[in-house]
Amino acid sequence: MLDEPPAPHGAGRLVRLGAPADSLARMDESTITPVELSRELGMDRKGRQIRGFLRNPTDGGGPFEGHEIGTEWHLTPEQADRIRKHFTRDRAGE
C-alpha cells in the first residue's frame, strides 16, 4: 500500500461521515455546492443566502427534492440554474 501514488486533490471527497450512500453517489463533477454557487454569483462566501433559499424557496418552483437533512447540498445543473435565475432576477430588481 505504500507504493500507491497520492490521490489527486479533491478526489473521492466525502460529504461527511455517516452520510447516506445515495448522497455520496450524487457527488460528481456535474454537481455544485451552495458555497461554490454563491462565490460564482458574487454573494456571501459561505452560501448562507442560497441555503436559505433551498430550505424555503420563494420563486414558486416548489421544494428542492433529494436532500437529506444534516448532509451537504450537492445541486444538479437544473437546480443550480434555477438558483442562478432567482438570484440574478433579485439583483436586477435591487
Protein backbone atom coordinates (compact mmCIF):
# COMPACT_ATOMS: atom_id res chain seq x y z
CA MET A 1 0.00 0.00 0.00
CA LEU A 2 2.91 2.35 0.49
CA ASP A 3 3.65 2.20 -3.24
CA GLU A 4 0.32 3.79 -4.22
CA PRO A 5 0.60 7.33 -5.65
CA PRO A 6 -1.32 10.02 -3.75
CA ALA A 7 -4.85 10.70 -4.95
CA PRO A 8 -5.38 13.94 -6.89
CA HIS A 9 -6.63 16.90 -4.87
CA GLY A 10 -10.36 16.61 -4.24
CA ALA A 11 -10.58 13.02 -5.46
CA GLY A 12 -13.03 10.94 -3.51
CA ARG A 13 -14.26 13.81 -1.34
CA LEU A 14 -16.99 12.82 1.07
CA VAL A 15 -19.96 14.84 2.22
CA ARG A 16 -19.47 13.93 5.87
CA LEU A 17 -19.08 10.82 7.98
CA GLY A 18 -22.30 8.89 8.17
CA ALA A 19 -23.75 10.42 5.00
CA PRO A 20 -26.31 8.21 3.26
CA ALA A 21 -24.96 6.21 0.35
CA ASP A 22 -27.32 7.85 -2.15
CA SER A 23 -25.97 11.32 -1.35
CA LEU A 24 -22.42 10.09 -1.91
CA ALA A 25 -23.45 8.62 -5.26
CA ARG A 26 -24.80 12.01 -6.39
CA MET A 27 -21.49 13.75 -5.82
CA ASP A 28 -19.67 14.07 -9.12
CA GLU A 29 -18.28 16.74 -11.37
CA SER A 30 -21.74 17.77 -12.58
CA THR A 31 -22.91 18.92 -9.13
CA ILE A 32 -22.16 22.19 -7.36
CA THR A 33 -22.41 23.16 -3.70
CA PRO A 34 -24.18 26.28 -2.39
CA VAL A 35 -20.78 27.71 -1.40
CA GLU A 36 -19.39 27.27 -4.92
CA LEU A 37 -22.53 28.73 -6.47
CA SER A 38 -22.55 31.64 -4.04
CA ARG A 39 -18.97 32.53 -4.96
CA GLU A 40 -19.83 32.24 -8.66
CA LEU A 41 -22.66 34.74 -8.17
CA GLY A 42 -20.54 37.12 -6.09
CA MET A 43 -22.61 36.57 -2.96
CA ASP A 44 -21.63 35.68 0.61
CA ARG A 45 -18.69 33.30 0.80
CA LYS A 46 -20.47 30.67 2.92
CA GLY A 47 -23.56 30.22 0.76
CA ARG A 48 -25.98 31.22 3.53
CA GLN A 49 -28.44 33.03 1.24
CA ILE A 50 -28.55 30.12 -1.18
CA ARG A 51 -29.00 27.54 1.60
CA GLY A 52 -31.84 29.67 3.00
CA PHE A 53 -33.50 29.70 -0.42
CA LEU A 54 -33.04 25.93 -0.72
CA ARG A 55 -34.85 25.42 2.59
CA ASN A 56 -37.62 27.91 1.77
CA PRO A 57 -37.86 28.62 -1.97
CA THR A 58 -39.86 31.73 -2.79
CA ASP A 59 -39.84 31.50 -6.58
CA GLY A 60 -42.96 29.34 -6.96
CA GLY A 61 -40.95 26.38 -8.26
CA GLY A 62 -41.75 24.10 -5.33
CA PRO A 63 -39.38 22.46 -2.88
CA PHE A 64 -35.92 21.20 -3.76
CA GLU A 65 -36.08 17.40 -3.65
CA GLY A 66 -33.42 14.81 -2.97
CA HIS A 67 -31.68 16.37 0.02
CA GLU A 68 -31.34 14.62 3.35
CA ILE A 69 -31.31 16.88 6.41
CA GLY A 70 -27.88 17.03 8.01
CA THR A 71 -25.93 16.44 4.81
CA GLU A 72 -24.26 18.91 2.49
CA TRP A 73 -26.21 20.10 -0.53
CA HIS A 74 -24.94 18.96 -3.95
CA LEU A 75 -27.02 20.68 -6.58
CA THR A 76 -27.79 19.29 -10.01
CA PRO A 77 -27.24 21.55 -13.03
CA GLU A 78 -31.02 22.13 -13.21
CA GLN A 79 -31.22 23.14 -9.54
CA ALA A 80 -28.21 25.43 -9.93
CA ASP A 81 -29.79 27.11 -12.97
CA ARG A 82 -33.00 27.71 -11.00
CA ILE A 83 -30.99 29.34 -8.22
CA ARG A 84 -28.95 31.45 -10.66
CA LYS A 85 -32.16 32.66 -12.28
CA HIS A 86 -33.71 33.55 -8.92
CA PHE A 87 -30.74 35.45 -7.55
CA THR A 88 -29.91 37.16 -10.84
CA ARG A 89 -33.50 38.41 -11.03
CA ASP A 90 -33.34 39.55 -7.37
CA ARG A 91 -30.17 41.54 -8.04
CA ALA A 92 -31.58 43.12 -11.18
CA GLY A 93 -34.56 44.40 -9.16
CA GLU A 94 -32.45 45.98 -6.41
